[in-house]
C-alpha atoms as a PDB file:
ATOM      1  CA  MET A   1       0.259   0.046   0.022  1.00  0.00           C
ATOM      2  CA  ASP A   2       1.885   3.221  -0.742  1.00  0.00           C
ATOM      3  CA  GLU A   3       1.784   7.184   1.437  1.00  0.00           C
ATOM      4  CA  HIS A   4      -0.433   9.890   0.158  1.00  0.00           C
ATOM      5  CA  PRO A   5       1.853  13.117  -0.031  1.00  0.00           C
ATOM      6  CA  MET A   6      -0.306  13.919   3.379  1.00  0.00           C
ATOM      7  CA  GLY A   7       0.647  10.599   4.907  1.00  0.00           C
ATOM      8  CA  LEU A   8      -2.632   9.276   3.856  1.00  0.00           C
ATOM      9  CA  PRO A   9      -2.688   5.600   3.268  1.00  0.00           C
ATOM     10  CA  ILE A  10      -3.501   4.926  -1.240  1.00  0.00           C
ATOM     11  CA  GLU A  11      -5.702   1.678  -1.772  1.00  0.00           C
ATOM     12  CA  HIS A  12      -5.052   0.588  -5.408  1.00  0.00           C
ATOM     13  CA  THR A  13      -8.108  -0.580  -6.707  1.00  0.00           C
ATOM     14  CA  GLU A  14      -7.846  -3.400  -9.610  1.00  0.00           C
ATOM     15  CA  LEU A  15      -9.736  -2.345 -12.292  1.00  0.00           C
ATOM     16  CA  PRO A  16     -11.629  -5.963 -14.683  1.00  0.00           C
ATOM     17  CA  PRO A  17      -9.742  -6.371 -17.370  1.00  0.00           C
ATOM     18  CA  GLU A  18     -11.612  -5.622 -20.552  1.00  0.00           C
ATOM     19  CA  PRO A  19     -13.928  -8.626 -22.519  1.00  0.00           C
ATOM     20  CA  VAL A  20     -11.919  -9.492 -25.506  1.00  0.00           C
ATOM     21  CA  ARG A  21     -14.126  -8.611 -28.257  1.00  0.00           C
ATOM     22  CA  GLU A  22     -14.809 -11.429 -30.937  1.00  0.00           C
ATOM     23  CA  ARG A  23     -13.462 -10.019 -34.485  1.00  0.00           C
ATOM     24  CA  SER A  24     -16.685  -9.592 -36.239  1.00  0.00           C
ATOM     25  CA  ALA A  25     -17.440 -11.951 -39.772  1.00  0.00           C
ATOM     26  CA  HIS A  26     -16.311 -10.797 -43.187  1.00  0.00           C
ATOM     27  CA  PRO A  27     -19.377  -8.359 -43.974  1.00  0.00           C
ATOM     28  CA  LEU A  28     -19.887 -10.883 -47.574  1.00  0.00           C
ATOM     29  CA  LEU A  29     -20.548 -13.856 -45.196  1.00  0.00           C
ATOM     30  CA  ALA A  30     -22.591 -12.329 -43.058  1.00  0.00           C
ATOM     31  CA  PHE A  31     -24.871 -11.097 -45.469  1.00  0.00           C
ATOM     32  CA  LEU A  32     -24.652 -14.227 -47.251  1.00  0.00           C
ATOM     33  CA  ARG A  33     -25.829 -16.019 -44.439  1.00  0.00           C
ATOM     34  CA  GLU A  34     -28.597 -13.628 -44.303  1.00  0.00           C
ATOM     35  CA  LEU A  35     -29.417 -14.163 -47.322  1.00  0.00           C
ATOM     36  CA  ILE A  36     -29.273 -17.916 -46.906  1.00  0.00           C
ATOM     37  CA  GLU A  37     -31.678 -17.674 -43.905  1.00  0.00           C
ATOM     38  CA  THR A  38     -33.584 -15.427 -45.767  1.00  0.00           C
ATOM     39  CA  ALA A  39     -34.531 -17.955 -48.342  1.00  0.00           C
ATOM     40  CA  LEU A  40     -35.117 -20.801 -46.185  1.00  0.00           C
ATOM     41  CA  ILE A  41     -37.534 -18.963 -44.300  1.00  0.00           C
ATOM     42  CA  VAL A  42     -39.602 -17.665 -48.143  1.00  0.00           C
ATOM     43  CA  LEU A  43     -39.160 -22.086 -49.132  1.00  0.00           C
ATOM     44  CA  VAL A  44     -40.366 -23.132 -45.897  1.00  0.00           C
ATOM     45  CA  ALA A  45     -43.430 -20.667 -45.908  1.00  0.00           C
ATOM     46  CA  MET A  46     -43.996 -20.896 -49.788  1.00  0.00           C
ATOM     47  CA  ALA A  47     -44.136 -25.248 -48.608  1.00  0.00           C
ATOM     48  CA  LEU A  48     -46.926 -24.324 -46.007  1.00  0.00           C
ATOM     49  CA  VAL A  49     -48.628 -22.493 -49.082  1.00  0.00           C
ATOM     50  CA  ASN A  50     -48.754 -24.917 -50.926  1.00  0.00           C
ATOM     51  CA  THR A  51     -49.731 -27.714 -48.934  1.00  0.00           C
ATOM     52  CA  ALA A  52     -53.163 -25.493 -47.857  1.00  0.00           C
ATOM     53  CA  THR A  53     -53.953 -24.140 -50.889  1.00  0.00           C
ATOM     54  CA  ALA A  54     -54.149 -24.446 -54.623  1.00  0.00           C
ATOM     55  CA  ARG A  55     -54.643 -22.299 -57.737  1.00  0.00           C
ATOM     56  CA  PHE A  56     -57.033 -23.058 -60.296  1.00  0.00           C
ATOM     57  CA  ARG A  57     -58.134 -21.371 -63.587  1.00  0.00           C
ATOM     58  CA  ILE A  58     -61.700 -21.719 -64.499  1.00  0.00           C
ATOM     59  CA  GLU A  59     -62.291 -23.047 -67.899  1.00  0.00           C
ATOM     60  CA  GLY A  60     -65.667 -23.183 -70.154  1.00  0.00           C
ATOM     61  CA  SER A  61     -68.637 -22.539 -69.084  1.00  0.00           C
ATOM     62  CA  SER A  62     -70.047 -24.816 -66.527  1.00  0.00           C
ATOM     63  CA  MET A  63     -70.368 -22.976 -63.652  1.00  0.00           C
ATOM     64  CA  GLU A  64     -71.592 -19.841 -65.187  1.00  0.00           C
ATOM     65  CA  PRO A  65     -73.302 -17.318 -63.966  1.00  0.00           C
ATOM     66  CA  ASN A  66     -70.742 -17.308 -60.907  1.00  0.00           C
ATOM     67  CA  LEU A  67     -67.927 -18.109 -61.938  1.00  0.00           C
ATOM     68  CA  HIS A  68     -66.754 -17.494 -65.470  1.00  0.00           C
ATOM     69  CA  ASP A  69     -64.471 -18.893 -68.178  1.00  0.00           C
ATOM     70  CA  GLY A  70     -60.555 -17.218 -67.101  1.00  0.00           C
ATOM     71  CA  GLU A  71     -60.682 -16.462 -63.608  1.00  0.00           C
ATOM     72  CA  TYR A  72     -59.037 -17.731 -60.959  1.00  0.00           C
ATOM     73  CA  VAL A  73     -59.887 -18.973 -58.057  1.00  0.00           C
ATOM     74  CA  LEU A  74     -58.301 -20.220 -54.597  1.00  0.00           C
ATOM     75  CA  ILE A  75     -58.634 -23.887 -53.231  1.00  0.00           C
ATOM     76  CA  SER A  76     -58.788 -24.752 -49.847  1.00  0.00           C
ATOM     77  CA  LYS A  77     -57.228 -28.082 -48.971  1.00  0.00           C
ATOM     78  CA  ILE A  78     -57.178 -28.000 -45.422  1.00  0.00           C
ATOM     79  CA  SER A  79     -61.329 -27.429 -45.352  1.00  0.00           C
ATOM     80  CA  TYR A  80     -61.761 -31.261 -45.597  1.00  0.00           C
ATOM     81  CA  TRP A  81     -58.774 -32.275 -43.371  1.00  0.00           C
ATOM     82  CA  PHE A  82     -61.293 -32.224 -40.333  1.00  0.00           C
ATOM     83  CA  GLY A  83     -64.590 -31.935 -42.194  1.00  0.00           C
ATOM     84  CA  GLN A  84     -66.370 -33.119 -45.024  1.00  0.00           C
ATOM     85  CA  PRO A  85     -67.639 -31.622 -47.932  1.00  0.00           C
ATOM     86  CA  ARG A  86     -71.279 -30.098 -47.557  1.00  0.00           C
ATOM     87  CA  ARG A  87     -73.995 -29.653 -50.307  1.00  0.00           C
ATOM     88  CA  GLY A  88     -73.866 -26.035 -52.161  1.00  0.00           C
ATOM     89  CA  ASP A  89     -69.725 -26.554 -51.540  1.00  0.00           C
ATOM     90  CA  VAL A  90     -68.041 -25.390 -54.279  1.00  0.00           C
ATOM     91  CA  VAL A  91     -65.129 -28.452 -55.028  1.00  0.00           C
ATOM     92  CA  VAL A  92     -62.626 -29.091 -57.377  1.00  0.00           C
ATOM     93  CA  PHE A  93     -61.554 -32.759 -57.596  1.00  0.00           C
ATOM     94  CA  ARG A  94     -59.324 -34.991 -59.561  1.00  0.00           C
ATOM     95  CA  PHE A  95     -61.628 -36.565 -63.317  1.00  0.00           C
ATOM     96  CA  PRO A  96     -62.334 -40.316 -61.785  1.00  0.00           C
ATOM     97  CA  HIS A  97     -61.983 -41.223 -65.556  1.00  0.00           C
ATOM     98  CA  ASP A  98     -58.548 -39.099 -66.406  1.00  0.00           C
ATOM     99  CA  PRO A  99     -56.481 -37.871 -62.797  1.00  0.00           C
ATOM    100  CA  SER A 100     -54.847 -36.069 -64.831  1.00  0.00           C
ATOM    101  CA  ARG A 101     -57.294 -33.228 -65.491  1.00  0.00           C
ATOM    102  CA  ASP A 102     -59.223 -31.168 -62.934  1.00  0.00           C
ATOM    103  CA  PHE A 103     -62.678 -30.459 -62.531  1.00  0.00           C
ATOM    104  CA  ILE A 104     -64.943 -27.537 -60.213  1.00  0.00           C
ATOM    105  CA  LYS A 105     -68.223 -28.209 -59.406  1.00  0.00           C
ATOM    106  CA  ARG A 106     -70.790 -27.990 -56.695  1.00  0.00           C
ATOM    107  CA  VAL A 107     -71.903 -30.724 -54.129  1.00  0.00           C
ATOM    108  CA  ILE A 108     -75.828 -31.319 -54.555  1.00  0.00           C
ATOM    109  CA  GLY A 109     -76.118 -34.850 -53.289  1.00  0.00           C
ATOM    110  CA  LEU A 110     -74.173 -36.574 -50.258  1.00  0.00           C
ATOM    111  CA  PRO A 111     -73.026 -40.045 -48.721  1.00  0.00           C
ATOM    112  CA  GLY A 112     -76.668 -41.719 -48.658  1.00  0.00           C
ATOM    113  CA  GLU A 113     -79.036 -39.573 -50.338  1.00  0.00           C
ATOM    114  CA  THR A 114     -81.084 -40.579 -53.434  1.00  0.00           C
ATOM    115  CA  VAL A 115     -80.763 -38.112 -56.046  1.00  0.00           C
ATOM    116  CA  ALA A 116     -83.099 -37.680 -59.258  1.00  0.00           C
ATOM    117  CA  ILE A 117     -83.342 -35.122 -61.650  1.00  0.00           C
ATOM    118  CA  ARG A 118     -86.588 -34.132 -63.494  1.00  0.00           C
ATOM    119  CA  ASP A 119     -89.231 -32.368 -64.452  1.00  0.00           C
ATOM    120  CA  GLY A 120     -86.179 -29.540 -64.257  1.00  0.00           C
ATOM    121  CA  LYS A 121     -85.239 -29.844 -60.825  1.00  0.00           C
ATOM    122  CA  VAL A 122     -82.944 -31.888 -58.347  1.00  0.00           C
ATOM    123  CA  PHE A 123     -84.836 -33.845 -55.854  1.00  0.00           C
ATOM    124  CA  ILE A 124     -82.916 -35.122 -52.853  1.00  0.00           C
ATOM    125  CA  ASP A 125     -84.208 -38.008 -50.977  1.00  0.00           C
ATOM    126  CA  GLY A 126     -87.979 -37.168 -52.731  1.00  0.00           C
ATOM    127  CA  ARG A 127     -87.801 -33.181 -51.454  1.00  0.00           C
ATOM    128  CA  PRO A 128     -87.217 -30.630 -54.525  1.00  0.00           C
ATOM    129  CA  LEU A 129     -84.019 -28.791 -54.145  1.00  0.00           C
ATOM    130  CA  GLU A 130     -84.710 -24.699 -54.267  1.00  0.00           C
ATOM    131  CA  GLU A 131     -81.209 -23.554 -56.432  1.00  0.00           C
ATOM    132  CA  PRO A 132     -82.321 -19.884 -57.221  1.00  0.00           C
ATOM    133  CA  TYR A 133     -78.219 -19.964 -58.017  1.00  0.00           C
ATOM    134  CA  ILE A 134     -77.992 -21.886 -61.347  1.00  0.00           C
ATOM    135  CA  ARG A 135     -78.347 -20.919 -64.846  1.00  0.00           C
ATOM    136  CA  GLY A 136     -81.631 -22.225 -65.845  1.00  0.00           C
ATOM    137  CA  PRO A 137     -83.678 -25.526 -65.099  1.00  0.00           C
ATOM    138  CA  MET A 138     -82.354 -28.796 -66.543  1.00  0.00           C
ATOM    139  CA  VAL A 139     -83.294 -30.118 -69.834  1.00  0.00           C
ATOM    140  CA  TYR A 140     -82.330 -33.954 -69.081  1.00  0.00           C
ATOM    141  CA  THR A 141     -83.658 -36.650 -66.819  1.00  0.00           C
ATOM    142  CA  TYR A 142     -81.411 -38.635 -63.823  1.00  0.00           C
ATOM    143  CA  GLY A 143     -82.145 -41.341 -61.804  1.00  0.00           C
ATOM    144  CA  PRO A 144     -82.921 -41.779 -59.192  1.00  0.00           C
ATOM    145  CA  VAL A 145     -79.897 -42.967 -57.614  1.00  0.00           C
ATOM    146  CA  THR A 146     -78.998 -43.683 -54.128  1.00  0.00           C
ATOM    147  CA  LEU A 147     -75.192 -42.457 -53.119  1.00  0.00           C
ATOM    148  CA  GLY A 148     -72.597 -45.008 -51.298  1.00  0.00           C
ATOM    149  CA  PRO A 149     -71.294 -44.474 -48.549  1.00  0.00           C
ATOM    150  CA  ASP A 150     -67.640 -42.508 -49.891  1.00  0.00           C
ATOM    151  CA  GLU A 151     -70.092 -41.055 -53.014  1.00  0.00           C
ATOM    152  CA  TYR A 152     -70.810 -37.350 -53.526  1.00  0.00           C
ATOM    153  CA  PHE A 153     -73.143 -36.165 -56.831  1.00  0.00           C
ATOM    154  CA  VAL A 154     -71.867 -32.673 -58.355  1.00  0.00           C
ATOM    155  CA  LEU A 155     -73.480 -30.746 -60.764  1.00  0.00           C
ATOM    156  CA  GLY A 156     -72.137 -27.527 -63.183  1.00  0.00           C
ATOM    157  CA  ASP A 157     -74.448 -23.985 -62.285  1.00  0.00           C
ATOM    158  CA  ASN A 158     -75.245 -24.117 -65.515  1.00  0.00           C
ATOM    159  CA  ARG A 159     -76.619 -27.396 -65.646  1.00  0.00           C
ATOM    160  CA  ASN A 160     -77.468 -27.893 -69.029  1.00  0.00           C
ATOM    161  CA  ALA A 161     -73.552 -27.449 -70.398  1.00  0.00           C
ATOM    162  CA  SER A 162     -71.851 -29.170 -67.864  1.00  0.00           C
ATOM    163  CA  ASN A 163     -69.710 -32.199 -67.541  1.00  0.00           C
ATOM    164  CA  ASP A 164     -70.487 -34.051 -64.206  1.00  0.00           C
ATOM    165  CA  SER A 165     -72.303 -36.906 -62.216  1.00  0.00           C
ATOM    166  CA  HIS A 166     -75.242 -36.513 -64.240  1.00  0.00           C
ATOM    167  CA  ASN A 167     -72.438 -37.654 -67.183  1.00  0.00           C
ATOM    168  CA  TRP A 168     -70.492 -39.751 -65.353  1.00  0.00           C
ATOM    169  CA  GLY A 169     -71.773 -40.857 -62.245  1.00  0.00           C
ATOM    170  CA  THR A 170     -70.997 -40.470 -58.671  1.00  0.00           C
ATOM    171  CA  LEU A 171     -67.876 -38.842 -57.370  1.00  0.00           C
ATOM    172  CA  PRO A 172     -65.433 -40.627 -55.135  1.00  0.00           C
ATOM    173  CA  ARG A 173     -64.667 -38.838 -52.037  1.00  0.00           C
ATOM    174  CA  SER A 174     -60.718 -39.514 -52.342  1.00  0.00           C
ATOM    175  CA  ALA A 175     -60.771 -37.425 -55.956  1.00  0.00           C
ATOM    176  CA  ILE A 176     -61.628 -34.192 -54.382  1.00  0.00           C
ATOM    177  CA  ILE A 177     -58.560 -32.034 -53.965  1.00  0.00           C
ATOM    178  CA  GLY A 178     -60.375 -28.801 -52.516  1.00  0.00           C
ATOM    179  CA  LYS A 179     -63.103 -26.340 -51.342  1.00  0.00           C
ATOM    180  CA  ALA A 180     -62.741 -23.771 -53.930  1.00  0.00           C
ATOM    181  CA  TRP A 181     -63.348 -20.123 -51.318  1.00  0.00           C
ATOM    182  CA  LEU A 182     -61.746 -17.261 -53.178  1.00  0.00           C
ATOM    183  CA  ILE A 183     -61.686 -15.857 -56.647  1.00  0.00           C
ATOM    184  CA  TYR A 184     -58.729 -13.803 -56.858  1.00  0.00           C
ATOM    185  CA  TRP A 185     -58.272 -12.645 -60.568  1.00  0.00           C
ATOM    186  CA  PRO A 186     -59.430 -10.543 -62.238  1.00  0.00           C
ATOM    187  CA  PRO A 187     -59.789  -8.198 -59.408  1.00  0.00           C
ATOM    188  CA  SER A 188     -63.046  -6.668 -60.289  1.00  0.00           C
ATOM    189  CA  ARG A 189     -63.957  -9.892 -59.294  1.00  0.00           C
ATOM    190  CA  TRP A 190     -62.589 -10.778 -56.152  1.00  0.00           C
ATOM    191  CA  GLY A 191     -64.686 -12.288 -54.174  1.00  0.00           C
ATOM    192  CA  LEU A 192     -65.982 -14.857 -51.559  1.00  0.00           C
ATOM    193  CA  ILE A 193     -67.377 -18.171 -53.254  1.00  0.00           C
ATOM    194  CA  ARG A 194     -70.419 -19.107 -51.265  1.00  0.00           C
ATOM    195  CA  ASN A 195     -72.553 -21.595 -49.866  1.00  0.00           C
ATOM    196  CA  PRO A 196     -76.049 -20.516 -50.926  1.00  0.00           C
ATOM    197  CA  PHE A 197     -77.128 -23.343 -48.520  1.00  0.00           C
ATOM    198  CA  GLN A 198     -74.797 -22.282 -45.219  1.00  0.00           C
ATOM    199  CA  GLY A 199     -76.464 -23.197 -41.886  1.00  0.00           C
ATOM    200  CA  GLU A 200     -78.776 -25.206 -43.095  1.00  0.00           C
ATOM    201  CA  THR A 201     -78.616 -28.713 -42.083  1.00  0.00           C
ATOM    202  CA  PRO A 202     -76.254 -30.824 -44.878  1.00  0.00           C
END
């Protein structure tokens, strides 16, 4: 211990050593790392979006007056992961007679129901189905046919210009890709695709 000029003792306080600073990475390497991390995040996000959704382009007039040729719709694949298609849902599916082709139609008949078409109307279990959303009354007859436990009956909204279940039969549940829920192109047609029977017992 040293002495102060006035004779007082002087204490020496030892300062802690300064932390050793790591040398920062080269700026180019840091930039590349951030770029790779961002790309990975984008790829993961895209994979999740593609798993949950799909895009579909309307071709032809079979869904008029509600969906038109050239419009693009967004498909929700997850809609039926925890539930089943309901009457009135617009669905995209693999065509049963050619799985390389995708179709879009409206669900009309559900598993276990008996479907018939006569006098321009659809009948479900003998009761007429009110459908103010279609282009016009049907000019053909069909059935009656009772659907199996995993079968659906689908029709286009433009009934007399649609290649659907009245032509090729019932649609197996396994062929359904997802539910069409949003028109996103062109911008003037942007909007939700609504189920006219929403809230009713299927």
